[in-house]
Amino acid sequence: MTTDYSKECEDNTSKPLKIRVIRAIPFILLARKQDYKIFAIIMEDIKKALEPKQYVNPRPLILEEYHNLINKFEKRFVD
């Protein structure tokens, strides 16, 4: 059973991105138009975004009067 991707996304609240790989000349033509958003991403950026983040101790960055609230924002409570 095959389903059409666009039909699956009709119920979603966000619009799916239309991602295309294009050559230089069509890129230049699209870049001149006002109704297109053009961006690039490389695999290194994707890998970096997917890496687990290192823990940073927030106590030195937060005023002492708010230290009692720090625990409420720990990852285990936020998830």
PDB file of N, CA and C in Angstrom:
ATOM      1  N   MET A   1       0.842  -1.190   0.000  1.00  0.00           N
ATOM      2  CA  MET A   1       0.000   0.000   0.000  1.00  0.00           C
ATOM      3  C   MET A   1       0.879   1.243   0.000  1.00  0.00           C
ATOM      4  N   THR A   2       0.706   2.083  -0.974  1.00  0.00           N
ATOM      5  CA  THR A   2       1.471   3.320  -1.032  1.00  0.00           C
ATOM      6  C   THR A   2       0.545   4.478  -0.731  1.00  0.00           C
ATOM      7  N   THR A   3       1.087   5.464  -0.055  1.00  0.00           N
ATOM      8  CA  THR A   3       0.292   6.653   0.254  1.00  0.00           C
ATOM      9  C   THR A   3       1.009   7.871  -0.289  1.00  0.00           C
ATOM     10  N   ASP A   4       0.256   8.850  -0.667  1.00  0.00           N
ATOM     11  CA  ASP A   4       0.814  10.078  -1.179  1.00  0.00           C
ATOM     12  C   ASP A   4       1.283  10.931  -0.003  1.00  0.00           C
ATOM     13  N   TYR A   5       2.526  11.375  -0.038  1.00  0.00           N
ATOM     14  CA  TYR A   5       3.087  12.151   1.064  1.00  0.00           C
ATOM     15  C   TYR A   5       2.280  13.420   1.315  1.00  0.00           C
ATOM     16  N   SER A   6       1.867  14.092   0.258  1.00  0.00           N
ATOM     17  CA  SER A   6       1.136  15.346   0.443  1.00  0.00           C
ATOM     18  C   SER A   6      -0.216  15.104   1.115  1.00  0.00           C
ATOM     19  N   LYS A   7      -0.843  13.954   0.853  1.00  0.00           N
ATOM     20  CA  LYS A   7      -2.114  13.651   1.512  1.00  0.00           C
ATOM     21  C   LYS A   7      -1.903  13.377   2.997  1.00  0.00           C
ATOM     22  N   GLU A   8      -0.781  12.749   3.332  1.00  0.00           N
ATOM     23  CA  GLU A   8      -0.484  12.485   4.742  1.00  0.00           C
ATOM     24  C   GLU A   8      -0.289  13.786   5.507  1.00  0.00           C
ATOM     25  N   CYS A   9       0.266  14.788   4.859  1.00  0.00           N
ATOM     26  CA  CYS A   9       0.597  16.038   5.532  1.00  0.00           C
ATOM     27  C   CYS A   9      -0.555  17.021   5.579  1.00  0.00           C
ATOM     28  N   GLU A  10      -1.660  16.735   4.909  1.00  0.00           N
ATOM     29  CA  GLU A  10      -2.790  17.665   4.910  1.00  0.00           C
ATOM     30  C   GLU A  10      -3.355  17.866   6.307  1.00  0.00           C
ATOM     31  N   ASP A  11      -3.289  16.844   7.137  1.00  0.00           N
ATOM     32  CA  ASP A  11      -3.827  16.947   8.490  1.00  0.00           C
ATOM     33  C   ASP A  11      -2.878  17.648   9.450  1.00  0.00           C
ATOM     34  N   ASN A  12      -1.618  17.778   9.085  1.00  0.00           N
ATOM     35  CA  ASN A  12      -0.631  18.422   9.955  1.00  0.00           C
ATOM     36  C   ASN A  12      -0.850  19.923   9.982  1.00  0.00           C
ATOM     37  N   THR A  13      -0.418  20.538  11.066  1.00  0.00           N
ATOM     38  CA  THR A  13      -0.561  21.984  11.192  1.00  0.00           C
ATOM     39  C   THR A  13       0.544  22.726  10.457  1.00  0.00           C
ATOM     40  N   SER A  14       1.668  22.082  10.208  1.00  0.00           N
ATOM     41  CA  SER A  14       2.757  22.746   9.502  1.00  0.00           C
ATOM     42  C   SER A  14       2.831  22.244   8.064  1.00  0.00           C
ATOM     43  N   LYS A  15       3.330  23.085   7.209  1.00  0.00           N
ATOM     44  CA  LYS A  15       3.486  22.712   5.811  1.00  0.00           C
ATOM     45  C   LYS A  15       4.800  21.958   5.630  1.00  0.00           C
ATOM     46  N   PRO A  16       4.805  20.904   4.828  1.00  0.00           N
ATOM     47  CA  PRO A  16       6.070  20.203   4.588  1.00  0.00           C
ATOM     48  C   PRO A  16       6.978  21.045   3.691  1.00  0.00           C
ATOM     49  N   LEU A  17       8.267  20.915   3.907  1.00  0.00           N
ATOM     50  CA  LEU A  17       9.224  21.615   3.064  1.00  0.00           C
ATOM     51  C   LEU A  17       9.334  20.906   1.725  1.00  0.00           C
ATOM     52  N   LYS A  18       9.449  21.669   0.673  1.00  0.00           N
ATOM     53  CA  LYS A  18       9.726  21.100  -0.636  1.00  0.00           C
ATOM     54  C   LYS A  18      11.218  21.279  -0.870  1.00  0.00           C
ATOM     55  N   ILE A  19      11.961  20.208  -0.676  1.00  0.00           N
ATOM     56  CA  ILE A  19      13.412  20.259  -0.755  1.00  0.00           C
ATOM     57  C   ILE A  19      13.849  19.725  -2.105  1.00  0.00           C
ATOM     58  N   ARG A  20      14.706  20.465  -2.774  1.00  0.00           N
ATOM     59  CA  ARG A  20      15.187  20.072  -4.081  1.00  0.00           C
ATOM     60  C   ARG A  20      16.684  20.360  -4.185  1.00  0.00           C
ATOM     61  N   VAL A  21      17.365  19.545  -4.961  1.00  0.00           N
ATOM     62  CA  VAL A  21      18.755  19.799  -5.317  1.00  0.00           C
ATOM     63  C   VAL A  21      18.715  20.391  -6.713  1.00  0.00           C
ATOM     64  N   ILE A  22      19.322  21.557  -6.876  1.00  0.00           N
ATOM     65  CA  ILE A  22      19.286  22.215  -8.175  1.00  0.00           C
ATOM     66  C   ILE A  22      20.686  22.633  -8.591  1.00  0.00           C
ATOM     67  N   ARG A  23      20.856  22.867  -9.861  1.00  0.00           N
ATOM     68  CA  ARG A  23      22.145  23.312 -10.402  1.00  0.00           C
ATOM     69  C   ARG A  23      22.274  24.828 -10.262  1.00  0.00           C
ATOM     70  N   ALA A  24      23.422  25.348 -10.663  1.00  0.00           N
ATOM     71  CA  ALA A  24      23.760  26.755 -10.431  1.00  0.00           C
ATOM     72  C   ALA A  24      22.831  27.731 -11.142  1.00  0.00           C
ATOM     73  N   ILE A  25      22.558  27.515 -12.415  1.00  0.00           N
ATOM     74  CA  ILE A  25      21.750  28.482 -13.166  1.00  0.00           C
ATOM     75  C   ILE A  25      20.330  28.583 -12.601  1.00  0.00           C
ATOM     76  N   PRO A  26      19.613  27.458 -12.387  1.00  0.00           N
ATOM     77  CA  PRO A  26      18.287  27.599 -11.766  1.00  0.00           C
ATOM     78  C   PRO A  26      18.347  28.212 -10.370  1.00  0.00           C
ATOM     79  N   PHE A  27      19.431  27.948  -9.641  1.00  0.00           N
ATOM     80  CA  PHE A  27      19.596  28.543  -8.321  1.00  0.00           C
ATOM     81  C   PHE A  27      19.649  30.065  -8.416  1.00  0.00           C
ATOM     82  N   ILE A  28      20.411  30.570  -9.348  1.00  0.00           N
ATOM     83  CA  ILE A  28      20.537  32.027  -9.523  1.00  0.00           C
ATOM     84  C   ILE A  28      19.182  32.626  -9.883  1.00  0.00           C
ATOM     85  N   LEU A  29      18.444  31.957 -10.756  1.00  0.00           N
ATOM     86  CA  LEU A  29      17.123  32.464 -11.143  1.00  0.00           C
ATOM     87  C   LEU A  29      16.155  32.483  -9.956  1.00  0.00           C
ATOM     88  N   LEU A  30      16.173  31.426  -9.152  1.00  0.00           N
ATOM     89  CA  LEU A  30      15.296  31.384  -7.977  1.00  0.00           C
ATOM     90  C   LEU A  30      15.712  32.400  -6.919  1.00  0.00           C
ATOM     91  N   ALA A  31      17.008  32.611  -6.772  1.00  0.00           N
ATOM     92  CA  ALA A  31      17.501  33.554  -5.765  1.00  0.00           C
ATOM     93  C   ALA A  31      17.036  34.974  -6.058  1.00  0.00           C
ATOM     94  N   ARG A  32      16.797  35.284  -7.325  1.00  0.00           N
ATOM     95  CA  ARG A  32      16.343  36.622  -7.706  1.00  0.00           C
ATOM     96  C   ARG A  32      14.849  36.828  -7.448  1.00  0.00           C
ATOM     97  N   LYS A  33      14.103  35.743  -7.298  1.00  0.00           N
ATOM     98  CA  LYS A  33      12.672  35.864  -7.053  1.00  0.00           C
ATOM     99  C   LYS A  33      12.418  36.174  -5.584  1.00  0.00           C
ATOM    100  N   GLN A  34      11.320  36.851  -5.307  1.00  0.00           N
ATOM    101  CA  GLN A  34      11.003  37.266  -3.943  1.00  0.00           C
ATOM    102  C   GLN A  34      10.279  36.189  -3.137  1.00  0.00           C
ATOM    103  N   ASP A  35       9.625  35.263  -3.800  1.00  0.00           N
ATOM    104  CA  ASP A  35       8.746  34.332  -3.085  1.00  0.00           C
ATOM    105  C   ASP A  35       9.395  32.992  -2.747  1.00  0.00           C
ATOM    106  N   TYR A  36      10.709  32.910  -2.768  1.00  0.00           N
ATOM    107  CA  TYR A  36      11.406  31.671  -2.434  1.00  0.00           C
ATOM    108  C   TYR A  36      12.353  31.914  -1.266  1.00  0.00           C
ATOM    109  N   LYS A  37      12.433  30.933  -0.388  1.00  0.00           N
ATOM    110  CA  LYS A  37      13.434  30.937   0.671  1.00  0.00           C
ATOM    111  C   LYS A  37      14.463  29.889   0.301  1.00  0.00           C
ATOM    112  N   ILE A  38      15.697  30.290   0.197  1.00  0.00           N
ATOM    113  CA  ILE A  38      16.760  29.385  -0.217  1.00  0.00           C
ATOM    114  C   ILE A  38      17.752  29.276   0.928  1.00  0.00           C
ATOM    115  N   PHE A  39      18.092  28.049   1.277  1.00  0.00           N
ATOM    116  CA  PHE A  39      19.092  27.829   2.312  1.00  0.00           C
ATOM    117  C   PHE A  39      19.848  26.553   2.005  1.00  0.00           C
ATOM    118  N   ALA A  40      20.966  26.398   2.650  1.00  0.00           N
ATOM    119  CA  ALA A  40      21.793  25.210   2.452  1.00  0.00           C
ATOM    120  C   ALA A  40      22.122  24.620   3.813  1.00  0.00           C
ATOM    121  N   ILE A  41      22.272  23.331   3.833  1.00  0.00           N
ATOM    122  CA  ILE A  41      22.670  22.637   5.054  1.00  0.00           C
ATOM    123  C   ILE A  41      23.632  21.528   4.651  1.00  0.00           C
ATOM    124  N   ILE A  42      24.601  21.289   5.497  1.00  0.00           N
ATOM    125  CA  ILE A  42      25.567  20.235   5.202  1.00  0.00           C
ATOM    126  C   ILE A  42      25.450  19.145   6.268  1.00  0.00           C
ATOM    127  N   MET A  43      25.930  17.975   5.945  1.00  0.00           N
ATOM    128  CA  MET A  43      25.818  16.834   6.856  1.00  0.00           C
ATOM    129  C   MET A  43      26.496  17.124   8.197  1.00  0.00           C
ATOM    130  N   GLU A  44      27.562  17.882   8.192  1.00  0.00           N
ATOM    131  CA  GLU A  44      28.255  18.222   9.439  1.00  0.00           C
ATOM    132  C   GLU A  44      27.318  18.983  10.386  1.00  0.00           C
ATOM    133  N   ASP A  45      26.505  19.889   9.841  1.00  0.00           N
ATOM    134  CA  ASP A  45      25.538  20.623  10.662  1.00  0.00           C
ATOM    135  C   ASP A  45      24.494  19.694  11.258  1.00  0.00           C
ATOM    136  N   ILE A  46      24.026  18.745  10.464  1.00  0.00           N
ATOM    137  CA  ILE A  46      23.022  17.791  10.943  1.00  0.00           C
ATOM    138  C   ILE A  46      23.602  16.929  12.049  1.00  0.00           C
ATOM    139  N   LYS A  47      24.808  16.419  11.846  1.00  0.00           N
ATOM    140  CA  LYS A  47      25.449  15.578  12.867  1.00  0.00           C
ATOM    141  C   LYS A  47      25.658  16.363  14.157  1.00  0.00           C
ATOM    142  N   LYS A  48      26.067  17.614  14.034  1.00  0.00           N
ATOM    143  CA  LYS A  48      26.284  18.447  15.217  1.00  0.00           C
ATOM    144  C   LYS A  48      24.981  18.669  15.974  1.00  0.00           C
ATOM    145  N   ALA A  49      23.889  18.903  15.253  1.00  0.00           N
ATOM    146  CA  ALA A  49      22.595  19.135  15.892  1.00  0.00           C
ATOM    147  C   ALA A  49      22.077  17.891  16.599  1.00  0.00           C
ATOM    148  N   LEU A  50      22.443  16.716  16.104  1.00  0.00           N
ATOM    149  CA  LEU A  50      21.957  15.472  16.688  1.00  0.00           C
ATOM    150  C   LEU A  50      22.819  14.950  17.835  1.00  0.00           C
ATOM    151  N   GLU A  51      23.986  15.525  18.028  1.00  0.00           N
ATOM    152  CA  GLU A  51      24.863  15.099  19.127  1.00  0.00           C
ATOM    153  C   GLU A  51      24.234  15.466  20.470  1.00  0.00           C
ATOM    154  N   PRO A  52      24.420  14.606  21.475  1.00  0.00           N
ATOM    155  CA  PRO A  52      23.913  14.959  22.813  1.00  0.00           C
ATOM    156  C   PRO A  52      24.642  16.200  23.334  1.00  0.00           C
ATOM    157  N   LYS A  53      23.907  17.048  23.974  1.00  0.00           N
ATOM    158  CA  LYS A  53      24.475  18.297  24.497  1.00  0.00           C
ATOM    159  C   LYS A  53      25.178  18.037  25.831  1.00  0.00           C
ATOM    160  N   GLN A  54      26.258  18.776  26.058  1.00  0.00           N
ATOM    161  CA  GLN A  54      26.984  18.647  27.312  1.00  0.00           C
ATOM    162  C   GLN A  54      26.253  19.410  28.410  1.00  0.00           C
ATOM    163  N   TYR A  55      26.311  18.865  29.619  1.00  0.00           N
ATOM    164  CA  TYR A  55      25.675  19.506  30.768  1.00  0.00           C
ATOM    165  C   TYR A  55      26.486  20.732  31.177  1.00  0.00           C
ATOM    166  N   VAL A  56      25.790  21.819  31.423  1.00  0.00           N
ATOM    167  CA  VAL A  56      26.418  23.046  31.907  1.00  0.00           C
ATOM    168  C   VAL A  56      25.801  23.352  33.257  1.00  0.00           C
ATOM    169  N   ASN A  57      26.641  23.544  34.258  1.00  0.00           N
ATOM    170  CA  ASN A  57      26.158  23.881  35.593  1.00  0.00           C
ATOM    171  C   ASN A  57      25.662  25.327  35.579  1.00  0.00           C
ATOM    172  N   PRO A  58      24.365  25.545  35.803  1.00  0.00           N
ATOM    173  CA  PRO A  58      23.831  26.904  35.705  1.00  0.00           C
ATOM    174  C   PRO A  58      24.062  27.765  36.950  1.00  0.00           C
ATOM    175  N   ARG A  59      24.476  27.176  38.063  1.00  0.00           N
ATOM    176  CA  ARG A  59      24.597  27.938  39.320  1.00  0.00           C
ATOM    177  C   ARG A  59      25.484  29.189  39.201  1.00  0.00           C
ATOM    178  N   PRO A  60      26.641  29.112  38.554  1.00  0.00           N
ATOM    179  CA  PRO A  60      27.456  30.344  38.465  1.00  0.00           C
ATOM    180  C   PRO A  60      26.815  31.427  37.585  1.00  0.00           C
ATOM    181  N   LEU A  61      25.869  31.047  36.742  1.00  0.00           N
ATOM    182  CA  LEU A  61      25.270  31.995  35.815  1.00  0.00           C
ATOM    183  C   LEU A  61      23.984  32.623  36.346  1.00  0.00           C
ATOM    184  N   ILE A  62      23.425  32.063  37.406  1.00  0.00           N
ATOM    185  CA  ILE A  62      22.123  32.506  37.915  1.00  0.00           C
ATOM    186  C   ILE A  62      22.309  33.162  39.278  1.00  0.00           C
ATOM    187  N   LEU A  63      21.537  34.199  39.518  1.00  0.00           N
ATOM    188  CA  LEU A  63      21.597  34.875  40.810  1.00  0.00           C
ATOM    189  C   LEU A  63      21.275  33.891  41.934  1.00  0.00           C
ATOM    190  N   GLU A  64      21.911  34.075  43.065  1.00  0.00           N
ATOM    191  CA  GLU A  64      21.762  33.142  44.187  1.00  0.00           C
ATOM    192  C   GLU A  64      20.320  33.048  44.686  1.00  0.00           C
ATOM    193  N   GLU A  65      19.565  34.107  44.581  1.00  0.00           N
ATOM    194  CA  GLU A  65      18.180  34.072  45.052  1.00  0.00           C
ATOM    195  C   GLU A  65      17.301  33.125  44.225  1.00  0.00           C
ATOM    196  N   TYR A  66      17.738  32.740  43.018  1.00  0.00           N
ATOM    197  CA  TYR A  66      16.969  31.837  42.169  1.00  0.00           C
ATOM    198  C   TYR A  66      17.509  30.407  42.156  1.00  0.00           C
ATOM    199  N   HIS A  67      18.512  30.117  42.953  1.00  0.00           N
ATOM    200  CA  HIS A  67      19.105  28.779  42.977  1.00  0.00           C
ATOM    201  C   HIS A  67      18.101  27.699  43.387  1.00  0.00           C
ATOM    202  N   ASN A  68      17.109  28.062  44.190  1.00  0.00           N
ATOM    203  CA  ASN A  68      16.120  27.061  44.598  1.00  0.00           C
ATOM    204  C   ASN A  68      15.219  26.635  43.428  1.00  0.00           C
ATOM    205  N   LEU A  69      15.200  27.389  42.337  1.00  0.00           N
ATOM    206  CA  LEU A  69      14.382  27.053  41.170  1.00  0.00           C
ATOM    207  C   LEU A  69      15.131  26.261  40.102  1.00  0.00           C
ATOM    208  N   ILE A  70      16.430  26.144  40.232  1.00  0.00           N
ATOM    209  CA  ILE A  70      17.237  25.481  39.203  1.00  0.00           C
ATOM    210  C   ILE A  70      16.781  24.047  38.966  1.00  0.00           C
ATOM    211  N   ASN A  71      16.465  23.321  40.007  1.00  0.00           N
ATOM    212  CA  ASN A  71      16.075  21.925  39.860  1.00  0.00           C
ATOM    213  C   ASN A  71      14.834  21.754  38.987  1.00  0.00           C
ATOM    214  N   LYS A  72      13.967  22.709  38.978  1.00  0.00           N
ATOM    215  CA  LYS A  72      12.736  22.616  38.185  1.00  0.00           C
ATOM    216  C   LYS A  72      12.996  22.659  36.685  1.00  0.00           C
ATOM    217  N   PHE A  73      14.178  23.117  36.283  1.00  0.00           N
ATOM    218  CA  PHE A  73      14.513  23.227  34.872  1.00  0.00           C
ATOM    219  C   PHE A  73      15.523  22.170  34.408  1.00  0.00           C
ATOM    220  N   GLU A  74      15.804  21.187  35.240  1.00  0.00           N
ATOM    221  CA  GLU A  74      16.702  20.112  34.838  1.00  0.00           C
ATOM    222  C   GLU A  74      16.033  19.285  33.742  1.00  0.00           C
ATOM    223  N   LYS A  75      16.850  18.734  32.882  1.00  0.00           N
ATOM    224  CA  LYS A  75      16.340  17.992  31.723  1.00  0.00           C
ATOM    225  C   LYS A  75      15.396  16.869  32.117  1.00  0.00           C
ATOM    226  N   ARG A  76      15.684  16.182  33.177  1.00  0.00           N
ATOM    227  CA  ARG A  76      14.820  15.049  33.544  1.00  0.00           C
ATOM    228  C   ARG A  76      13.413  15.491  33.923  1.00  0.00           C
ATOM    229  N   PHE A  77      13.242  16.716  34.410  1.00  0.00           N
ATOM    230  CA  PHE A  77      11.919  17.217  34.749  1.00  0.00           C
ATOM    231  C   PHE A  77      11.233  17.877  33.557  1.00  0.00           C
ATOM    232  N   VAL A  78      11.999  18.409  32.650  1.00  0.00           N
ATOM    233  CA  VAL A  78      11.444  19.097  31.491  1.00  0.00           C
ATOM    234  C   VAL A  78      10.896  18.119  30.490  1.00  0.00           C
ATOM    235  N   ASP A  79      11.584  17.001  30.282  1.00  0.00           N
ATOM    236  CA  ASP A  79      11.132  15.995  29.311  1.00  0.00           C
ATOM    237  C   ASP A  79       9.847  15.398  29.808  1.00  0.00           C
TER     238      ASP A  79
END
